[in-house]
Amino acid sequence: MPVKKSAVKALKQSKKRNARNVARKNQIKNLKKKLETAIKDNKKEDAIKLLTQMYKILDKAAQKKTIHKNTAARRKARITKRVNKLK
């Protein structure tokens, strides 16, 4: 356990940030699963709605530095490519 006051505060901040980052990453994972099932079931309208949500969440995560901006861009590009292949 930290002894100094500043170390205690740093630990609290670290735990808070970690919880926030984990929540954001879980949100991304859950939405990705929903998108995957929509693509698998060939539901283009649902996939497009979910895609806009996915963009928003990935951009926010990149902005808050939960994930790297290039990672967000790569994920958006790959999932968009799959949605665009739907008929």
PDB file of N, CA and C in Angstrom:
ATOM      1  N   MET A   1       0.846  -1.194   0.000  1.00  0.00           N
ATOM      2  CA  MET A   1       0.000   0.000   0.000  1.00  0.00           C
ATOM      3  C   MET A   1       0.882   1.244   0.000  1.00  0.00           C
ATOM      4  N   PRO A   2       0.423   2.274  -0.722  1.00  0.00           N
ATOM      5  CA  PRO A   2       1.196   3.519  -0.743  1.00  0.00           C
ATOM      6  C   PRO A   2       1.177   4.214   0.619  1.00  0.00           C
ATOM      7  N   VAL A   3       2.264   4.892   0.908  1.00  0.00           N
ATOM      8  CA  VAL A   3       2.399   5.571   2.185  1.00  0.00           C
ATOM      9  C   VAL A   3       2.140   7.068   2.035  1.00  0.00           C
ATOM     10  N   LYS A   4       2.736   7.661   1.018  1.00  0.00           N
ATOM     11  CA  LYS A   4       2.604   9.108   0.825  1.00  0.00           C
ATOM     12  C   LYS A   4       1.210   9.467   0.316  1.00  0.00           C
ATOM     13  N   LYS A   5       0.801  10.673   0.654  1.00  0.00           N
ATOM     14  CA  LYS A   5      -0.523  11.157   0.276  1.00  0.00           C
ATOM     15  C   LYS A   5      -0.681  11.206  -1.253  1.00  0.00           C
ATOM     16  N   SER A   6       0.363  11.649  -1.933  1.00  0.00           N
ATOM     17  CA  SER A   6       0.304  11.758  -3.402  1.00  0.00           C
ATOM     18  C   SER A   6       0.211  10.377  -4.044  1.00  0.00           C
ATOM     19  N   ALA A   7       0.871   9.393  -3.439  1.00  0.00           N
ATOM     20  CA  ALA A   7       0.822   8.031  -3.972  1.00  0.00           C
ATOM     21  C   ALA A   7      -0.566   7.428  -3.781  1.00  0.00           C
ATOM     22  N   VAL A   8      -1.212   7.753  -2.672  1.00  0.00           N
ATOM     23  CA  VAL A   8      -2.578   7.273  -2.414  1.00  0.00           C
ATOM     24  C   VAL A   8      -3.523   7.848  -3.463  1.00  0.00           C
ATOM     25  N   LYS A   9      -3.371   9.153  -3.726  1.00  0.00           N
ATOM     26  CA  LYS A   9      -4.222   9.807  -4.716  1.00  0.00           C
ATOM     27  C   LYS A   9      -3.972   9.226  -6.108  1.00  0.00           C
ATOM     28  N   ALA A  10      -2.723   8.997  -6.449  1.00  0.00           N
ATOM     29  CA  ALA A  10      -2.367   8.424  -7.754  1.00  0.00           C
ATOM     30  C   ALA A  10      -2.987   7.042  -7.923  1.00  0.00           C
ATOM     31  N   LEU A  11      -2.995   6.254  -6.868  1.00  0.00           N
ATOM     32  CA  LEU A  11      -3.590   4.926  -6.907  1.00  0.00           C
ATOM     33  C   LEU A  11      -5.098   5.007  -7.155  1.00  0.00           C
ATOM     34  N   LYS A  12      -5.759   5.944  -6.453  1.00  0.00           N
ATOM     35  CA  LYS A  12      -7.204   6.148  -6.644  1.00  0.00           C
ATOM     36  C   LYS A  12      -7.513   6.533  -8.082  1.00  0.00           C
ATOM     37  N   GLN A  13      -6.714   7.461  -8.618  1.00  0.00           N
ATOM     38  CA  GLN A  13      -6.927   7.919  -9.986  1.00  0.00           C
ATOM     39  C   GLN A  13      -6.715   6.778 -10.977  1.00  0.00           C
ATOM     40  N   SER A  14      -5.694   5.990 -10.715  1.00  0.00           N
ATOM     41  CA  SER A  14      -5.379   4.867 -11.585  1.00  0.00           C
ATOM     42  C   SER A  14      -6.528   3.855 -11.613  1.00  0.00           C
ATOM     43  N   LYS A  15      -7.081   3.561 -10.453  1.00  0.00           N
ATOM     44  CA  LYS A  15      -8.198   2.609 -10.370  1.00  0.00           C
ATOM     45  C   LYS A  15      -9.424   3.139 -11.110  1.00  0.00           C
ATOM     46  N   LYS A  16      -9.685   4.443 -10.961  1.00  0.00           N
ATOM     47  CA  LYS A  16     -10.822   5.074 -11.633  1.00  0.00           C
ATOM     48  C   LYS A  16     -10.670   5.003 -13.147  1.00  0.00           C
ATOM     49  N   ARG A  17      -9.483   5.361 -13.616  1.00  0.00           N
ATOM     50  CA  ARG A  17      -9.201   5.337 -15.061  1.00  0.00           C
ATOM     51  C   ARG A  17      -9.313   3.922 -15.610  1.00  0.00           C
ATOM     52  N   ASN A  18      -8.767   2.967 -14.861  1.00  0.00           N
ATOM     53  CA  ASN A  18      -8.803   1.576 -15.292  1.00  0.00           C
ATOM     54  C   ASN A  18     -10.246   1.095 -15.430  1.00  0.00           C
ATOM     55  N   ALA A  19     -11.093   1.427 -14.470  1.00  0.00           N
ATOM     56  CA  ALA A  19     -12.496   1.017 -14.514  1.00  0.00           C
ATOM     57  C   ALA A  19     -13.190   1.633 -15.729  1.00  0.00           C
ATOM     58  N   ARG A  20     -12.894   2.906 -15.989  1.00  0.00           N
ATOM     59  CA  ARG A  20     -13.493   3.598 -17.133  1.00  0.00           C
ATOM     60  C   ARG A  20     -13.055   2.969 -18.447  1.00  0.00           C
ATOM     61  N   ASN A  21     -11.751   2.663 -18.555  1.00  0.00           N
ATOM     62  CA  ASN A  21     -11.212   2.068 -19.778  1.00  0.00           C
ATOM     63  C   ASN A  21     -11.780   0.672 -20.013  1.00  0.00           C
ATOM     64  N   VAL A  22     -11.890  -0.109 -18.961  1.00  0.00           N
ATOM     65  CA  VAL A  22     -12.448  -1.462 -19.076  1.00  0.00           C
ATOM     66  C   VAL A  22     -13.905  -1.387 -19.532  1.00  0.00           C
ATOM     67  N   ALA A  23     -14.656  -0.429 -18.983  1.00  0.00           N
ATOM     68  CA  ALA A  23     -16.059  -0.266 -19.372  1.00  0.00           C
ATOM     69  C   ALA A  23     -16.167   0.093 -20.850  1.00  0.00           C
ATOM     70  N   ARG A  24     -15.307   1.002 -21.308  1.00  0.00           N
ATOM     71  CA  ARG A  24     -15.336   1.400 -22.723  1.00  0.00           C
ATOM     72  C   ARG A  24     -14.986   0.228 -23.628  1.00  0.00           C
ATOM     73  N   LYS A  25     -13.968  -0.532 -23.245  1.00  0.00           N
ATOM     74  CA  LYS A  25     -13.564  -1.674 -24.065  1.00  0.00           C
ATOM     75  C   LYS A  25     -14.659  -2.737 -24.112  1.00  0.00           C
ATOM     76  N   ASN A  26     -15.338  -2.952 -22.989  1.00  0.00           N
ATOM     77  CA  ASN A  26     -16.444  -3.910 -22.973  1.00  0.00           C
ATOM     78  C   ASN A  26     -17.585  -3.442 -23.863  1.00  0.00           C
ATOM     79  N   GLN A  27     -17.831  -2.143 -23.855  1.00  0.00           N
ATOM     80  CA  GLN A  27     -18.873  -1.575 -24.709  1.00  0.00           C
ATOM     81  C   GLN A  27     -18.547  -1.838 -26.184  1.00  0.00           C
ATOM     82  N   ILE A  28     -17.285  -1.651 -26.540  1.00  0.00           N
ATOM     83  CA  ILE A  28     -16.848  -1.906 -27.917  1.00  0.00           C
ATOM     84  C   ILE A  28     -17.039  -3.381 -28.263  1.00  0.00           C
ATOM     85  N   LYS A  29     -16.627  -4.264 -27.355  1.00  0.00           N
ATOM     86  CA  LYS A  29     -16.740  -5.703 -27.603  1.00  0.00           C
ATOM     87  C   LYS A  29     -18.198  -6.132 -27.779  1.00  0.00           C
ATOM     88  N   ASN A  30     -19.074  -5.636 -26.903  1.00  0.00           N
ATOM     89  CA  ASN A  30     -20.486  -6.015 -26.979  1.00  0.00           C
ATOM     90  C   ASN A  30     -21.126  -5.543 -28.265  1.00  0.00           C
ATOM     91  N   LEU A  31     -20.830  -4.315 -28.665  1.00  0.00           N
ATOM     92  CA  LEU A  31     -21.396  -3.785 -29.900  1.00  0.00           C
ATOM     93  C   LEU A  31     -20.854  -4.540 -31.108  1.00  0.00           C
ATOM     94  N   LYS A  32     -19.577  -4.923 -31.030  1.00  0.00           N
ATOM     95  CA  LYS A  32     -18.976  -5.683 -32.129  1.00  0.00           C
ATOM     96  C   LYS A  32     -19.678  -7.031 -32.292  1.00  0.00           C
ATOM     97  N   LYS A  33     -20.006  -7.673 -31.170  1.00  0.00           N
ATOM     98  CA  LYS A  33     -20.714  -8.955 -31.222  1.00  0.00           C
ATOM     99  C   LYS A  33     -22.091  -8.789 -31.869  1.00  0.00           C
ATOM    100  N   LYS A  34     -22.802  -7.713 -31.504  1.00  0.00           N
ATOM    101  CA  LYS A  34     -24.108  -7.447 -32.098  1.00  0.00           C
ATOM    102  C   LYS A  34     -23.983  -7.221 -33.596  1.00  0.00           C
ATOM    103  N   LEU A  35     -22.959  -6.471 -33.988  1.00  0.00           N
ATOM    104  CA  LEU A  35     -22.728  -6.199 -35.404  1.00  0.00           C
ATOM    105  C   LEU A  35     -22.405  -7.491 -36.155  1.00  0.00           C
ATOM    106  N   GLU A  36     -21.585  -8.329 -35.557  1.00  0.00           N
ATOM    107  CA  GLU A  36     -21.221  -9.613 -36.181  1.00  0.00           C
ATOM    108  C   GLU A  36     -22.466 -10.470 -36.427  1.00  0.00           C
ATOM    109  N   THR A  37     -23.369 -10.523 -35.448  1.00  0.00           N
ATOM    110  CA  THR A  37     -24.579 -11.325 -35.632  1.00  0.00           C
ATOM    111  C   THR A  37     -25.476 -10.715 -36.693  1.00  0.00           C
ATOM    112  N   ALA A  38     -25.555  -9.385 -36.763  1.00  0.00           N
ATOM    113  CA  ALA A  38     -26.362  -8.728 -37.796  1.00  0.00           C
ATOM    114  C   ALA A  38     -25.790  -9.028 -39.179  1.00  0.00           C
ATOM    115  N   ILE A  39     -24.470  -9.028 -39.289  1.00  0.00           N
ATOM    116  CA  ILE A  39     -23.821  -9.336 -40.567  1.00  0.00           C
ATOM    117  C   ILE A  39     -24.053 -10.798 -40.929  1.00  0.00           C
ATOM    118  N   LYS A  40     -23.919 -11.665 -39.930  1.00  0.00           N
ATOM    119  CA  LYS A  40     -24.099 -13.105 -40.166  1.00  0.00           C
ATOM    120  C   LYS A  40     -25.531 -13.418 -40.612  1.00  0.00           C
ATOM    121  N   ASP A  41     -26.509 -12.707 -40.007  1.00  0.00           N
ATOM    122  CA  ASP A  41     -27.911 -12.915 -40.354  1.00  0.00           C
ATOM    123  C   ASP A  41     -28.334 -12.139 -41.598  1.00  0.00           C
ATOM    124  N   ASN A  42     -27.375 -11.403 -42.188  1.00  0.00           N
ATOM    125  CA  ASN A  42     -27.604 -10.656 -43.425  1.00  0.00           C
ATOM    126  C   ASN A  42     -28.666  -9.564 -43.258  1.00  0.00           C
ATOM    127  N   LYS A  43     -28.662  -8.890 -42.110  1.00  0.00           N
ATOM    128  CA  LYS A  43     -29.593  -7.797 -41.843  1.00  0.00           C
ATOM    129  C   LYS A  43     -28.853  -6.480 -42.041  1.00  0.00           C
ATOM    130  N   LYS A  44     -28.925  -5.945 -43.253  1.00  0.00           N
ATOM    131  CA  LYS A  44     -28.146  -4.760 -43.590  1.00  0.00           C
ATOM    132  C   LYS A  44     -28.614  -3.519 -42.836  1.00  0.00           C
ATOM    133  N   GLU A  45     -29.932  -3.338 -42.705  1.00  0.00           N
ATOM    134  CA  GLU A  45     -30.454  -2.145 -42.028  1.00  0.00           C
ATOM    135  C   GLU A  45     -29.986  -2.091 -40.567  1.00  0.00           C
ATOM    136  N   ASP A  46     -30.098  -3.228 -39.887  1.00  0.00           N
ATOM    137  CA  ASP A  46     -29.639  -3.293 -38.490  1.00  0.00           C
ATOM    138  C   ASP A  46     -28.131  -3.058 -38.408  1.00  0.00           C
ATOM    139  N   ALA A  47     -27.401  -3.636 -39.348  1.00  0.00           N
ATOM    140  CA  ALA A  47     -25.944  -3.501 -39.349  1.00  0.00           C
ATOM    141  C   ALA A  47     -25.535  -2.038 -39.540  1.00  0.00           C
ATOM    142  N   ILE A  48     -26.250  -1.321 -40.397  1.00  0.00           N
ATOM    143  CA  ILE A  48     -25.918   0.088 -40.633  1.00  0.00           C
ATOM    144  C   ILE A  48     -26.187   0.923 -39.387  1.00  0.00           C
ATOM    145  N   LYS A  49     -27.297   0.643 -38.692  1.00  0.00           N
ATOM    146  CA  LYS A  49     -27.590   1.363 -37.446  1.00  0.00           C
ATOM    147  C   LYS A  49     -26.515   1.096 -36.397  1.00  0.00           C
ATOM    148  N   LEU A  50     -26.142  -0.164 -36.273  1.00  0.00           N
ATOM    149  CA  LEU A  50     -25.107  -0.529 -35.306  1.00  0.00           C
ATOM    150  C   LEU A  50     -23.742   0.037 -35.699  1.00  0.00           C
ATOM    151  N   LEU A  51     -23.520   0.165 -37.001  1.00  0.00           N
ATOM    152  CA  LEU A  51     -22.248   0.685 -37.491  1.00  0.00           C
ATOM    153  C   LEU A  51     -22.048   2.139 -37.059  1.00  0.00           C
ATOM    154  N   THR A  52     -23.117   2.928 -37.117  1.00  0.00           N
ATOM    155  CA  THR A  52     -22.996   4.332 -36.691  1.00  0.00           C
ATOM    156  C   THR A  52     -22.686   4.415 -35.190  1.00  0.00           C
ATOM    157  N   GLN A  53     -23.298   3.524 -34.418  1.00  0.00           N
ATOM    158  CA  GLN A  53     -23.003   3.478 -32.981  1.00  0.00           C
ATOM    159  C   GLN A  53     -21.548   3.073 -32.749  1.00  0.00           C
ATOM    160  N   MET A  54     -21.094   2.113 -33.546  1.00  0.00           N
ATOM    161  CA  MET A  54     -19.720   1.623 -33.425  1.00  0.00           C
ATOM    162  C   MET A  54     -18.731   2.748 -33.730  1.00  0.00           C
ATOM    163  N   TYR A  55     -19.007   3.530 -34.759  1.00  0.00           N
ATOM    164  CA  TYR A  55     -18.152   4.674 -35.091  1.00  0.00           C
ATOM    165  C   TYR A  55     -18.034   5.606 -33.901  1.00  0.00           C
ATOM    166  N   LYS A  56     -19.182   5.922 -33.309  1.00  0.00           N
ATOM    167  CA  LYS A  56     -19.218   6.866 -32.194  1.00  0.00           C
ATOM    168  C   LYS A  56     -18.388   6.358 -31.020  1.00  0.00           C
ATOM    169  N   ILE A  57     -18.583   5.097 -30.679  1.00  0.00           N
ATOM    170  CA  ILE A  57     -17.881   4.523 -29.531  1.00  0.00           C
ATOM    171  C   ILE A  57     -16.372   4.431 -29.784  1.00  0.00           C
ATOM    172  N   LEU A  58     -15.989   4.003 -31.003  1.00  0.00           N
ATOM    173  CA  LEU A  58     -14.570   3.896 -31.324  1.00  0.00           C
ATOM    174  C   LEU A  58     -13.898   5.266 -31.341  1.00  0.00           C
ATOM    175  N   ASP A  59     -14.582   6.261 -31.901  1.00  0.00           N
ATOM    176  CA  ASP A  59     -14.020   7.612 -31.931  1.00  0.00           C
ATOM    177  C   ASP A  59     -13.841   8.166 -30.524  1.00  0.00           C
ATOM    178  N   LYS A  60     -14.835   7.927 -29.681  1.00  0.00           N
ATOM    179  CA  LYS A  60     -14.764   8.408 -28.302  1.00  0.00           C
ATOM    180  C   LYS A  60     -13.617   7.726 -27.550  1.00  0.00           C
ATOM    181  N   ALA A  61     -13.477   6.411 -27.744  1.00  0.00           N
ATOM    182  CA  ALA A  61     -12.407   5.669 -27.077  1.00  0.00           C
ATOM    183  C   ALA A  61     -11.035   6.157 -27.543  1.00  0.00           C
ATOM    184  N   ALA A  62     -10.925   6.464 -28.834  1.00  0.00           N
ATOM    185  CA  ALA A  62      -9.655   6.971 -29.358  1.00  0.00           C
ATOM    186  C   ALA A  62      -9.384   8.377 -28.831  1.00  0.00           C
ATOM    187  N   GLN A  63     -10.417   9.183 -28.752  1.00  0.00           N
ATOM    188  CA  GLN A  63     -10.279  10.550 -28.253  1.00  0.00           C
ATOM    189  C   GLN A  63      -9.821  10.562 -26.794  1.00  0.00           C
ATOM    190  N   LYS A  64     -10.366   9.637 -26.007  1.00  0.00           N
ATOM    191  CA  LYS A  64     -10.022   9.554 -24.587  1.00  0.00           C
ATOM    192  C   LYS A  64      -8.770   8.713 -24.342  1.00  0.00           C
ATOM    193  N   LYS A  65      -8.152   8.260 -25.433  1.00  0.00           N
ATOM    194  CA  LYS A  65      -6.911   7.474 -25.392  1.00  0.00           C
ATOM    195  C   LYS A  65      -7.063   6.128 -24.692  1.00  0.00           C
ATOM    196  N   THR A  66      -8.265   5.559 -24.772  1.00  0.00           N
ATOM    197  CA  THR A  66      -8.461   4.199 -24.284  1.00  0.00           C
ATOM    198  C   THR A  66      -7.841   3.228 -25.277  1.00  0.00           C
ATOM    199  N   ILE A  67      -8.037   3.525 -26.569  1.00  0.00           N
ATOM    200  CA  ILE A  67      -7.379   2.772 -27.639  1.00  0.00           C
ATOM    201  C   ILE A  67      -6.659   3.782 -28.536  1.00  0.00           C
ATOM    202  N   HIS A  68      -5.709   3.317 -29.298  1.00  0.00           N
ATOM    203  CA  HIS A  68      -4.958   4.197 -30.187  1.00  0.00           C
ATOM    204  C   HIS A  68      -5.835   4.620 -31.353  1.00  0.00           C
ATOM    205  N   LYS A  69      -5.608   5.814 -31.883  1.00  0.00           N
ATOM    206  CA  LYS A  69      -6.450   6.333 -32.961  1.00  0.00           C
ATOM    207  C   LYS A  69      -6.347   5.482 -34.223  1.00  0.00           C
ATOM    208  N   ASN A  70      -5.173   4.916 -34.482  1.00  0.00           N
ATOM    209  CA  ASN A  70      -5.023   4.059 -35.662  1.00  0.00           C
ATOM    210  C   ASN A  70      -5.765   2.734 -35.485  1.00  0.00           C
ATOM    211  N   THR A  71      -5.820   2.256 -34.257  1.00  0.00           N
ATOM    212  CA  THR A  71      -6.571   1.034 -33.961  1.00  0.00           C
ATOM    213  C   THR A  71      -8.048   1.275 -34.231  1.00  0.00           C
ATOM    214  N   ALA A  72      -8.546   2.424 -33.795  1.00  0.00           N
ATOM    215  CA  ALA A  72      -9.951   2.775 -34.022  1.00  0.00           C
ATOM    216  C   ALA A  72     -10.230   2.859 -35.517  1.00  0.00           C
ATOM    217  N   ALA A  73      -9.342   3.510 -36.254  1.00  0.00           N
ATOM    218  CA  ALA A  73      -9.510   3.666 -37.700  1.00  0.00           C
ATOM    219  C   ALA A  73      -9.502   2.308 -38.394  1.00  0.00           C
ATOM    220  N   ARG A  74      -8.595   1.437 -37.970  1.00  0.00           N
ATOM    221  CA  ARG A  74      -8.501   0.101 -38.571  1.00  0.00           C
ATOM    222  C   ARG A  74      -9.771  -0.704 -38.330  1.00  0.00           C
ATOM    223  N   ARG A  75     -10.265  -0.669 -37.095  1.00  0.00           N
ATOM    224  CA  ARG A  75     -11.477  -1.416 -36.767  1.00  0.00           C
ATOM    225  C   ARG A  75     -12.677  -0.886 -37.543  1.00  0.00           C
ATOM    226  N   LYS A  76     -12.784   0.436 -37.651  1.00  0.00           N
ATOM    227  CA  LYS A  76     -13.891   1.038 -38.394  1.00  0.00           C
ATOM    228  C   LYS A  76     -13.830   0.627 -39.864  1.00  0.00           C
ATOM    229  N   ALA A  77     -12.633   0.647 -40.442  1.00  0.00           N
ATOM    230  CA  ALA A  77     -12.468   0.296 -41.852  1.00  0.00           C
ATOM    231  C   ALA A  77     -12.846  -1.162 -42.102  1.00  0.00           C
ATOM    232  N   ARG A  78     -12.404  -2.038 -41.242  1.00  0.00           N
ATOM    233  CA  ARG A  78     -12.665  -3.469 -41.441  1.00  0.00           C
ATOM    234  C   ARG A  78     -14.150  -3.810 -41.302  1.00  0.00           C
ATOM    235  N   ILE A  79     -14.792  -3.215 -40.308  1.00  0.00           N
ATOM    236  CA  ILE A  79     -16.201  -3.539 -40.095  1.00  0.00           C
ATOM    237  C   ILE A  79     -17.068  -2.900 -41.175  1.00  0.00           C
ATOM    238  N   THR A  80     -16.675  -1.714 -41.645  1.00  0.00           N
ATOM    239  CA  THR A  80     -17.413  -1.047 -42.725  1.00  0.00           C
ATOM    240  C   THR A  80     -17.333  -1.865 -44.002  1.00  0.00           C
ATOM    241  N   LYS A  81     -16.160  -2.402 -44.271  1.00  0.00           N
ATOM    242  CA  LYS A  81     -15.958  -3.234 -45.455  1.00  0.00           C
ATOM    243  C   LYS A  81     -16.903  -4.434 -45.432  1.00  0.00           C
ATOM    244  N   ARG A  82     -17.061  -5.034 -44.267  1.00  0.00           N
ATOM    245  CA  ARG A  82     -17.937  -6.205 -44.143  1.00  0.00           C
ATOM    246  C   ARG A  82     -19.416  -5.828 -44.304  1.00  0.00           C
ATOM    247  N   VAL A  83     -19.791  -4.661 -43.742  1.00  0.00           N
ATOM    248  CA  VAL A  83     -21.183  -4.222 -43.857  1.00  0.00           C
ATOM    249  C   VAL A  83     -21.504  -3.878 -45.298  1.00  0.00           C
ATOM    250  N   ASN A  84     -20.567  -3.259 -46.003  1.00  0.00           N
ATOM    251  CA  ASN A  84     -20.803  -2.873 -47.384  1.00  0.00           C
ATOM    252  C   ASN A  84     -20.938  -4.075 -48.325  1.00  0.00           C
ATOM    253  N   LYS A  85     -20.406  -5.215 -47.926  1.00  0.00           N
ATOM    254  CA  LYS A  85     -20.526  -6.424 -48.749  1.00  0.00           C
ATOM    255  C   LYS A  85     -21.919  -7.030 -48.698  1.00  0.00           C
ATOM    256  N   LEU A  86     -22.709  -6.660 -47.667  1.00  0.00           N
ATOM    257  CA  LEU A  86     -24.061  -7.203 -47.544  1.00  0.00           C
ATOM    258  C   LEU A  86     -24.936  -6.734 -48.700  1.00  0.00           C
ATOM    259  N   LYS A  87     -25.912  -7.577 -49.050  1.00  0.00           N
ATOM    260  CA  LYS A  87     -26.820  -7.218 -50.157  1.00  0.00           C
ATOM    261  C   LYS A  87     -28.092  -6.627 -49.641  1.00  0.00           C
TER     262      LYS A  87
END
